[in-house]
């Protein structure tokens, strides 16, 4: 089995706690760094994903590891009734909420503090579920994917 990749090698926190801490620390610079380090490719990935789910005409969408809400905002192109984004980083969500307000989307997009391993929603609550870069930070990847394949 491969070694678990964690942000802070000398920390006694769980990977999930370390990831939340890391993203709280980098939140103010995250969007800029994501743009710079991906050379803008991340925008195309989001657009492609939204195109792939468009034929299902989802009305209720969940965006896991939403960060600053870019995927949730992109999902609005599908004209859903609602989009809920969850993330474990309060710092990232705070920036996302500011974006949502600037774009006047707060009636349809709701960003919440939440843990992808313990989703506070009933089964079959959503027509589509997205996750962008968050998969790399999941502590128990198999557990995450199993709930969507059952």
N, C-alpha and C. Protein backbone atom coordinates (compact mmCIF):
# COMPACT_ATOMS: atom_id res chain seq x y z
N UNK A 1 0.85 -1.18 0.00
CA UNK A 1 0.00 0.00 0.00
C UNK A 1 0.89 1.24 0.00
N UNK A 2 0.47 2.27 -0.69
CA UNK A 2 1.27 3.48 -0.80
C UNK A 2 1.16 4.33 0.47
N UNK A 3 2.17 5.15 0.67
CA UNK A 3 2.21 6.04 1.82
C UNK A 3 1.16 7.14 1.66
N UNK A 4 0.50 7.48 2.76
CA UNK A 4 -0.50 8.54 2.74
C UNK A 4 0.20 9.89 2.56
N UNK A 5 -0.29 10.68 1.62
CA UNK A 5 0.25 12.01 1.37
C UNK A 5 -0.49 12.99 2.27
N UNK A 6 0.27 13.70 3.09
CA UNK A 6 -0.32 14.67 4.01
C UNK A 6 0.41 16.00 3.88
N UNK A 7 -0.28 17.09 4.17
CA UNK A 7 0.35 18.41 4.03
C UNK A 7 1.49 18.67 5.00
N UNK A 8 1.33 18.23 6.24
CA UNK A 8 2.31 18.55 7.27
C UNK A 8 2.85 17.26 7.90
N UNK A 9 4.03 16.88 7.51
CA UNK A 9 4.62 15.59 7.93
C UNK A 9 4.77 15.46 9.45
N UNK A 10 5.03 16.56 10.16
CA UNK A 10 5.29 16.49 11.59
C UNK A 10 4.05 16.75 12.44
N UNK A 11 2.91 16.84 11.84
CA UNK A 11 1.67 17.12 12.57
C UNK A 11 1.06 15.83 13.10
N UNK A 12 0.37 15.94 14.23
CA UNK A 12 -0.35 14.80 14.78
C UNK A 12 -1.82 14.81 14.36
N UNK A 13 -2.23 15.85 13.61
CA UNK A 13 -3.61 15.94 13.13
C UNK A 13 -3.86 14.88 12.06
N UNK A 14 -5.11 14.51 11.88
CA UNK A 14 -5.48 13.61 10.80
C UNK A 14 -5.27 14.32 9.47
N UNK A 15 -5.25 13.56 8.39
CA UNK A 15 -5.09 14.18 7.08
C UNK A 15 -6.20 15.20 6.84
N UNK A 16 -7.42 14.86 7.21
CA UNK A 16 -8.56 15.75 6.99
C UNK A 16 -8.35 17.08 7.74
N UNK A 17 -7.89 17.00 8.98
CA UNK A 17 -7.64 18.22 9.76
C UNK A 17 -6.51 19.04 9.15
N UNK A 18 -5.47 18.35 8.67
CA UNK A 18 -4.35 19.04 8.04
C UNK A 18 -4.79 19.74 6.75
N UNK A 19 -5.62 19.08 5.97
CA UNK A 19 -6.10 19.67 4.72
C UNK A 19 -6.93 20.91 5.02
N UNK A 20 -7.80 20.84 6.03
CA UNK A 20 -8.60 22.02 6.40
C UNK A 20 -7.69 23.16 6.83
N UNK A 21 -6.71 22.87 7.65
CA UNK A 21 -5.76 23.89 8.10
C UNK A 21 -5.01 24.50 6.92
N UNK A 22 -4.52 23.63 6.04
CA UNK A 22 -3.76 24.10 4.88
C UNK A 22 -4.61 25.05 4.02
N UNK A 23 -5.85 24.64 3.72
CA UNK A 23 -6.68 25.48 2.87
C UNK A 23 -7.15 26.75 3.58
N UNK A 24 -7.33 26.69 4.89
CA UNK A 24 -7.63 27.93 5.63
C UNK A 24 -6.45 28.90 5.50
N UNK A 25 -5.24 28.36 5.54
CA UNK A 25 -4.04 29.20 5.45
C UNK A 25 -3.83 29.81 4.06
N UNK A 26 -4.15 29.07 3.02
CA UNK A 26 -3.88 29.56 1.66
C UNK A 26 -5.09 30.18 0.99
N UNK A 27 -6.24 30.16 1.66
CA UNK A 27 -7.49 30.63 1.04
C UNK A 27 -7.37 31.96 0.32
N UNK A 28 -6.77 32.99 0.92
CA UNK A 28 -6.74 34.28 0.22
C UNK A 28 -5.97 34.25 -1.10
N UNK A 29 -5.07 33.29 -1.26
CA UNK A 29 -4.26 33.22 -2.48
C UNK A 29 -4.66 32.06 -3.39
N UNK A 30 -5.64 31.26 -2.97
CA UNK A 30 -5.95 30.02 -3.67
C UNK A 30 -6.35 30.24 -5.13
N UNK A 31 -7.30 31.11 -5.39
CA UNK A 31 -7.77 31.30 -6.76
C UNK A 31 -6.63 31.74 -7.68
N UNK A 32 -5.80 32.65 -7.20
CA UNK A 32 -4.66 33.11 -8.00
C UNK A 32 -3.69 31.95 -8.25
N UNK A 33 -3.37 31.19 -7.21
CA UNK A 33 -2.43 30.07 -7.36
C UNK A 33 -2.99 28.99 -8.29
N UNK A 34 -4.27 28.71 -8.17
CA UNK A 34 -4.90 27.70 -9.03
C UNK A 34 -4.81 28.13 -10.49
N UNK A 35 -5.07 29.40 -10.75
CA UNK A 35 -4.97 29.93 -12.11
C UNK A 35 -3.53 29.82 -12.62
N UNK A 36 -2.60 30.24 -11.80
CA UNK A 36 -1.19 30.25 -12.18
C UNK A 36 -0.64 28.83 -12.39
N UNK A 37 -0.85 27.98 -11.43
CA UNK A 37 -0.25 26.64 -11.48
C UNK A 37 -0.89 25.73 -12.52
N UNK A 38 -2.15 25.97 -12.84
CA UNK A 38 -2.80 25.13 -13.86
C UNK A 38 -2.74 25.78 -15.24
N UNK A 39 -2.17 26.97 -15.28
CA UNK A 39 -2.12 27.74 -16.54
C UNK A 39 -3.51 27.95 -17.12
N UNK A 40 -4.50 28.04 -16.23
CA UNK A 40 -5.87 28.29 -16.66
C UNK A 40 -6.63 27.05 -17.11
N UNK A 41 -5.98 25.91 -17.14
CA UNK A 41 -6.62 24.68 -17.61
C UNK A 41 -7.80 24.29 -16.72
N UNK A 42 -7.76 24.64 -15.44
CA UNK A 42 -8.83 24.29 -14.52
C UNK A 42 -10.19 24.82 -14.99
N UNK A 43 -10.21 25.93 -15.67
CA UNK A 43 -11.47 26.47 -16.18
C UNK A 43 -12.07 25.56 -17.24
N UNK A 44 -11.23 25.06 -18.12
CA UNK A 44 -11.69 24.13 -19.16
C UNK A 44 -12.20 22.83 -18.58
N UNK A 45 -11.54 22.35 -17.55
CA UNK A 45 -11.99 21.11 -16.89
C UNK A 45 -13.39 21.29 -16.31
N UNK A 46 -13.61 22.42 -15.66
CA UNK A 46 -14.95 22.67 -15.09
C UNK A 46 -16.00 22.75 -16.20
N UNK A 47 -15.70 23.48 -17.26
CA UNK A 47 -16.65 23.61 -18.37
C UNK A 47 -16.97 22.24 -18.98
N UNK A 48 -15.95 21.43 -19.17
CA UNK A 48 -16.14 20.10 -19.75
C UNK A 48 -17.03 19.24 -18.85
N UNK A 49 -16.78 19.28 -17.55
CA UNK A 49 -17.59 18.51 -16.62
C UNK A 49 -19.05 18.94 -16.68
N UNK A 50 -19.28 20.23 -16.69
CA UNK A 50 -20.65 20.74 -16.77
C UNK A 50 -21.30 20.30 -18.08
N UNK A 51 -20.55 20.33 -19.17
CA UNK A 51 -21.08 19.85 -20.46
C UNK A 51 -21.45 18.37 -20.39
N UNK A 52 -20.65 17.58 -19.67
CA UNK A 52 -20.90 16.14 -19.58
C UNK A 52 -22.17 15.81 -18.80
N UNK A 53 -22.54 16.64 -17.84
CA UNK A 53 -23.75 16.35 -17.07
C UNK A 53 -24.97 17.13 -17.58
N UNK A 54 -24.78 17.99 -18.55
CA UNK A 54 -25.87 18.83 -19.04
C UNK A 54 -27.04 18.02 -19.58
N UNK A 55 -26.77 16.91 -20.26
CA UNK A 55 -27.85 16.12 -20.86
C UNK A 55 -28.83 15.57 -19.82
N UNK A 56 -28.38 15.46 -18.56
CA UNK A 56 -29.25 14.97 -17.48
C UNK A 56 -30.16 16.08 -16.93
N UNK A 57 -29.91 17.31 -17.33
CA UNK A 57 -30.66 18.46 -16.86
C UNK A 57 -30.86 18.45 -15.33
N UNK A 58 -29.76 18.37 -14.59
CA UNK A 58 -29.88 18.29 -13.13
C UNK A 58 -30.46 19.56 -12.52
N UNK A 59 -31.37 19.36 -11.60
CA UNK A 59 -32.00 20.50 -10.92
C UNK A 59 -31.44 20.71 -9.52
N UNK A 60 -30.91 19.68 -8.92
CA UNK A 60 -30.29 19.76 -7.60
C UNK A 60 -28.89 19.19 -7.70
N UNK A 61 -27.90 20.04 -7.47
CA UNK A 61 -26.50 19.65 -7.68
C UNK A 61 -25.73 19.83 -6.38
N UNK A 62 -24.89 18.86 -6.08
CA UNK A 62 -24.00 18.93 -4.93
C UNK A 62 -22.57 19.03 -5.45
N UNK A 63 -21.84 20.01 -4.97
CA UNK A 63 -20.42 20.15 -5.31
C UNK A 63 -19.62 19.89 -4.04
N UNK A 64 -18.91 18.77 -4.04
CA UNK A 64 -18.10 18.37 -2.89
C UNK A 64 -16.72 18.99 -3.01
N UNK A 65 -16.18 19.41 -1.87
CA UNK A 65 -14.87 20.09 -1.82
C UNK A 65 -14.94 21.34 -2.70
N UNK A 66 -15.97 22.11 -2.50
CA UNK A 66 -16.28 23.27 -3.35
C UNK A 66 -15.25 24.38 -3.27
N UNK A 67 -14.48 24.43 -2.21
CA UNK A 67 -13.46 25.47 -2.08
C UNK A 67 -14.08 26.85 -2.13
N UNK A 68 -13.65 27.66 -3.09
CA UNK A 68 -14.19 29.02 -3.22
C UNK A 68 -15.41 29.08 -4.13
N UNK A 69 -15.97 27.92 -4.48
CA UNK A 69 -17.25 27.86 -5.17
C UNK A 69 -17.24 27.91 -6.68
N UNK A 70 -16.07 27.80 -7.30
CA UNK A 70 -16.02 27.94 -8.76
C UNK A 70 -16.84 26.89 -9.50
N UNK A 71 -16.82 25.65 -9.04
CA UNK A 71 -17.61 24.60 -9.70
C UNK A 71 -19.10 24.87 -9.50
N UNK A 72 -19.48 25.27 -8.30
CA UNK A 72 -20.89 25.57 -8.02
C UNK A 72 -21.37 26.72 -8.91
N UNK A 73 -20.52 27.71 -9.09
CA UNK A 73 -20.87 28.85 -9.96
C UNK A 73 -20.98 28.39 -11.42
N UNK A 74 -20.05 27.59 -11.87
CA UNK A 74 -20.09 27.07 -13.25
C UNK A 74 -21.36 26.24 -13.48
N UNK A 75 -21.78 25.52 -12.45
CA UNK A 75 -22.98 24.67 -12.57
C UNK A 75 -24.24 25.50 -12.81
N UNK A 76 -24.20 26.77 -12.50
CA UNK A 76 -25.38 27.62 -12.74
C UNK A 76 -25.71 27.73 -14.22
N UNK A 77 -24.76 27.41 -15.09
CA UNK A 77 -25.03 27.41 -16.54
C UNK A 77 -26.07 26.35 -16.92
N UNK A 78 -26.31 25.40 -16.01
CA UNK A 78 -27.28 24.35 -16.26
C UNK A 78 -28.69 24.75 -15.82
N UNK A 79 -28.83 25.95 -15.27
CA UNK A 79 -30.10 26.44 -14.78
C UNK A 79 -30.76 25.51 -13.75
N UNK A 80 -30.00 25.12 -12.74
CA UNK A 80 -30.58 24.24 -11.72
C UNK A 80 -31.46 25.03 -10.75
N UNK A 81 -32.26 24.30 -9.98
CA UNK A 81 -33.05 24.93 -8.93
C UNK A 81 -32.15 25.35 -7.78
N UNK A 82 -31.16 24.50 -7.48
CA UNK A 82 -30.22 24.83 -6.41
C UNK A 82 -28.91 24.07 -6.60
N UNK A 83 -27.87 24.68 -6.07
CA UNK A 83 -26.55 24.06 -6.02
C UNK A 83 -26.05 24.22 -4.59
N UNK A 84 -25.64 23.13 -3.99
CA UNK A 84 -25.05 23.19 -2.65
C UNK A 84 -23.59 22.78 -2.78
N UNK A 85 -22.73 23.61 -2.25
CA UNK A 85 -21.31 23.29 -2.21
C UNK A 85 -20.90 23.06 -0.77
N UNK A 86 -20.14 22.00 -0.52
CA UNK A 86 -19.64 21.74 0.83
C UNK A 86 -18.12 21.70 0.80
N UNK A 87 -17.53 22.10 1.91
CA UNK A 87 -16.07 22.07 2.03
C UNK A 87 -15.72 22.04 3.51
N UNK A 88 -14.53 21.54 3.81
CA UNK A 88 -14.08 21.48 5.20
C UNK A 88 -13.30 22.72 5.61
N UNK A 89 -13.06 23.62 4.68
CA UNK A 89 -12.27 24.82 4.97
C UNK A 89 -13.16 26.05 5.10
N UNK A 90 -13.25 26.57 6.31
CA UNK A 90 -14.04 27.77 6.53
C UNK A 90 -13.47 28.96 5.76
N UNK A 91 -12.15 29.03 5.65
CA UNK A 91 -11.51 30.13 4.93
C UNK A 91 -11.88 30.14 3.46
N UNK A 92 -11.88 28.98 2.84
CA UNK A 92 -12.25 28.88 1.42
C UNK A 92 -13.73 29.22 1.25
N UNK A 93 -14.58 28.71 2.12
CA UNK A 93 -16.01 28.98 2.02
C UNK A 93 -16.32 30.46 2.18
N UNK A 94 -15.62 31.12 3.08
CA UNK A 94 -15.84 32.55 3.28
C UNK A 94 -15.62 33.31 1.98
N UNK A 95 -14.55 32.99 1.27
CA UNK A 95 -14.28 33.63 -0.02
C UNK A 95 -15.33 33.25 -1.06
N UNK A 96 -15.75 31.99 -1.03
CA UNK A 96 -16.79 31.54 -1.96
C UNK A 96 -18.10 32.26 -1.75
N UNK A 97 -18.49 32.44 -0.50
CA UNK A 97 -19.73 33.14 -0.18
C UNK A 97 -19.67 34.58 -0.70
N UNK A 98 -18.51 35.20 -0.57
CA UNK A 98 -18.34 36.57 -1.10
C UNK A 98 -18.53 36.59 -2.62
N UNK A 99 -17.97 35.58 -3.31
CA UNK A 99 -18.15 35.48 -4.77
C UNK A 99 -19.62 35.33 -5.13
N UNK A 100 -20.29 34.43 -4.42
CA UNK A 100 -21.70 34.14 -4.68
C UNK A 100 -22.53 35.42 -4.53
N UNK A 101 -22.24 36.19 -3.48
CA UNK A 101 -22.97 37.45 -3.27
C UNK A 101 -22.66 38.45 -4.38
N UNK A 102 -21.39 38.56 -4.78
CA UNK A 102 -21.03 39.50 -5.86
C UNK A 102 -21.76 39.17 -7.15
N UNK A 103 -21.97 37.88 -7.39
CA UNK A 103 -22.65 37.44 -8.60
C UNK A 103 -24.16 37.36 -8.44
N UNK A 104 -24.65 37.70 -7.25
CA UNK A 104 -26.07 37.69 -6.93
C UNK A 104 -26.68 36.30 -7.15
N UNK A 105 -25.99 35.29 -6.70
CA UNK A 105 -26.45 33.91 -6.85
C UNK A 105 -26.88 33.27 -5.53
N UNK A 106 -26.94 34.05 -4.46
CA UNK A 106 -27.21 33.49 -3.15
C UNK A 106 -28.58 32.85 -3.01
N UNK A 107 -29.50 33.12 -3.93
CA UNK A 107 -30.81 32.45 -3.88
C UNK A 107 -30.76 31.03 -4.42
N UNK A 108 -29.73 30.72 -5.19
CA UNK A 108 -29.65 29.39 -5.80
C UNK A 108 -28.42 28.60 -5.37
N UNK A 109 -27.38 29.28 -4.92
CA UNK A 109 -26.14 28.60 -4.53
C UNK A 109 -25.92 28.79 -3.03
N UNK A 110 -25.75 27.67 -2.34
CA UNK A 110 -25.54 27.70 -0.90
C UNK A 110 -24.26 26.95 -0.59
N UNK A 111 -23.31 27.62 0.03
CA UNK A 111 -22.05 26.99 0.42
C UNK A 111 -22.09 26.70 1.91
N UNK A 112 -21.73 25.45 2.27
CA UNK A 112 -21.83 25.01 3.65
C UNK A 112 -20.55 24.33 4.10
N UNK A 113 -20.25 24.49 5.38
CA UNK A 113 -19.17 23.76 5.99
C UNK A 113 -19.61 22.31 6.10
N UNK A 114 -18.83 21.39 5.58
CA UNK A 114 -19.22 19.99 5.63
C UNK A 114 -18.09 19.07 5.27
N UNK A 115 -18.27 17.84 5.64
CA UNK A 115 -17.29 16.79 5.46
C UNK A 115 -17.83 15.78 4.44
N UNK A 116 -17.07 15.57 3.40
CA UNK A 116 -17.52 14.67 2.33
C UNK A 116 -17.73 13.24 2.80
N UNK A 117 -17.12 12.86 3.91
CA UNK A 117 -17.32 11.51 4.44
C UNK A 117 -18.61 11.38 5.25
N UNK A 118 -19.14 12.50 5.66
CA UNK A 118 -20.35 12.49 6.50
C UNK A 118 -21.34 13.53 5.97
N UNK A 119 -21.84 13.28 4.78
CA UNK A 119 -22.74 14.23 4.15
C UNK A 119 -24.07 14.31 4.90
N UNK A 120 -24.56 15.51 5.15
CA UNK A 120 -25.80 15.67 5.91
C UNK A 120 -27.05 15.67 5.03
N UNK A 121 -27.07 14.84 4.00
CA UNK A 121 -28.19 14.82 3.06
C UNK A 121 -28.74 13.40 2.94
N UNK A 122 -30.02 13.32 2.67
CA UNK A 122 -30.66 12.03 2.42
C UNK A 122 -30.16 11.46 1.09
N UNK A 123 -30.17 10.16 0.95
CA UNK A 123 -29.83 9.53 -0.33
C UNK A 123 -30.76 10.06 -1.41
N UNK A 124 -30.25 10.15 -2.60
CA UNK A 124 -31.01 10.59 -3.77
C UNK A 124 -31.53 12.03 -3.65
N UNK A 125 -30.81 12.87 -2.93
CA UNK A 125 -31.19 14.27 -2.79
C UNK A 125 -30.73 15.11 -3.97
N UNK A 126 -29.79 14.58 -4.77
CA UNK A 126 -29.19 15.37 -5.84
C UNK A 126 -29.26 14.61 -7.15
N UNK A 127 -29.38 15.38 -8.23
CA UNK A 127 -29.39 14.81 -9.58
C UNK A 127 -27.98 14.67 -10.13
N UNK A 128 -27.05 15.45 -9.58
CA UNK A 128 -25.65 15.40 -10.02
C UNK A 128 -24.75 15.77 -8.84
N UNK A 129 -23.60 15.15 -8.82
CA UNK A 129 -22.58 15.44 -7.80
C UNK A 129 -21.28 15.70 -8.52
N UNK A 130 -20.64 16.82 -8.19
CA UNK A 130 -19.35 17.13 -8.78
C UNK A 130 -18.30 17.23 -7.69
N UNK A 131 -17.07 16.99 -8.10
CA UNK A 131 -15.92 17.22 -7.23
C UNK A 131 -14.75 17.54 -8.16
N UNK A 132 -14.13 18.67 -7.93
CA UNK A 132 -13.02 19.09 -8.78
C UNK A 132 -11.71 18.51 -8.28
N UNK A 133 -10.95 19.33 -7.64
CA UNK A 133 -9.62 18.93 -7.18
C UNK A 133 -9.65 18.23 -5.83
N UNK A 134 -10.78 18.18 -5.19
CA UNK A 134 -10.88 17.66 -3.83
C UNK A 134 -10.49 16.21 -3.65
N UNK A 135 -10.62 15.42 -4.70
CA UNK A 135 -10.33 13.99 -4.59
C UNK A 135 -8.92 13.75 -4.07
N UNK A 136 -7.99 14.58 -4.46
CA UNK A 136 -6.60 14.38 -4.02
C UNK A 136 -6.43 14.56 -2.53
N UNK A 137 -7.40 15.19 -1.88
CA UNK A 137 -7.29 15.48 -0.46
C UNK A 137 -8.16 14.59 0.42
N UNK A 138 -8.92 13.69 -0.16
CA UNK A 138 -9.77 12.82 0.64
C UNK A 138 -8.90 11.88 1.47
N UNK A 139 -9.29 11.73 2.72
CA UNK A 139 -8.52 10.86 3.61
C UNK A 139 -8.82 9.39 3.34
N UNK A 140 -10.07 9.08 3.07
CA UNK A 140 -10.49 7.70 2.83
C UNK A 140 -11.17 7.64 1.46
N UNK A 141 -10.38 7.65 0.42
CA UNK A 141 -10.88 7.74 -0.95
C UNK A 141 -11.90 6.66 -1.29
N UNK A 142 -11.62 5.43 -0.89
CA UNK A 142 -12.54 4.33 -1.20
C UNK A 142 -13.90 4.57 -0.57
N UNK A 143 -13.91 5.04 0.68
CA UNK A 143 -15.17 5.32 1.38
C UNK A 143 -15.96 6.41 0.66
N UNK A 144 -15.25 7.40 0.16
CA UNK A 144 -15.91 8.49 -0.54
C UNK A 144 -16.65 7.98 -1.78
N UNK A 145 -15.98 7.17 -2.57
CA UNK A 145 -16.56 6.73 -3.83
C UNK A 145 -17.62 5.65 -3.65
N UNK A 146 -17.50 4.86 -2.62
CA UNK A 146 -18.46 3.78 -2.40
C UNK A 146 -19.88 4.32 -2.20
N UNK A 147 -20.02 5.44 -1.55
CA UNK A 147 -21.37 5.94 -1.28
C UNK A 147 -22.10 6.36 -2.55
N UNK A 148 -21.34 6.62 -3.63
CA UNK A 148 -21.98 7.04 -4.87
C UNK A 148 -22.16 5.89 -5.85
N UNK A 149 -21.68 4.72 -5.48
CA UNK A 149 -21.82 3.56 -6.36
C UNK A 149 -22.78 2.54 -5.79
N UNK A 150 -23.29 2.77 -4.61
CA UNK A 150 -24.22 1.80 -3.98
C UNK A 150 -25.60 1.91 -4.55
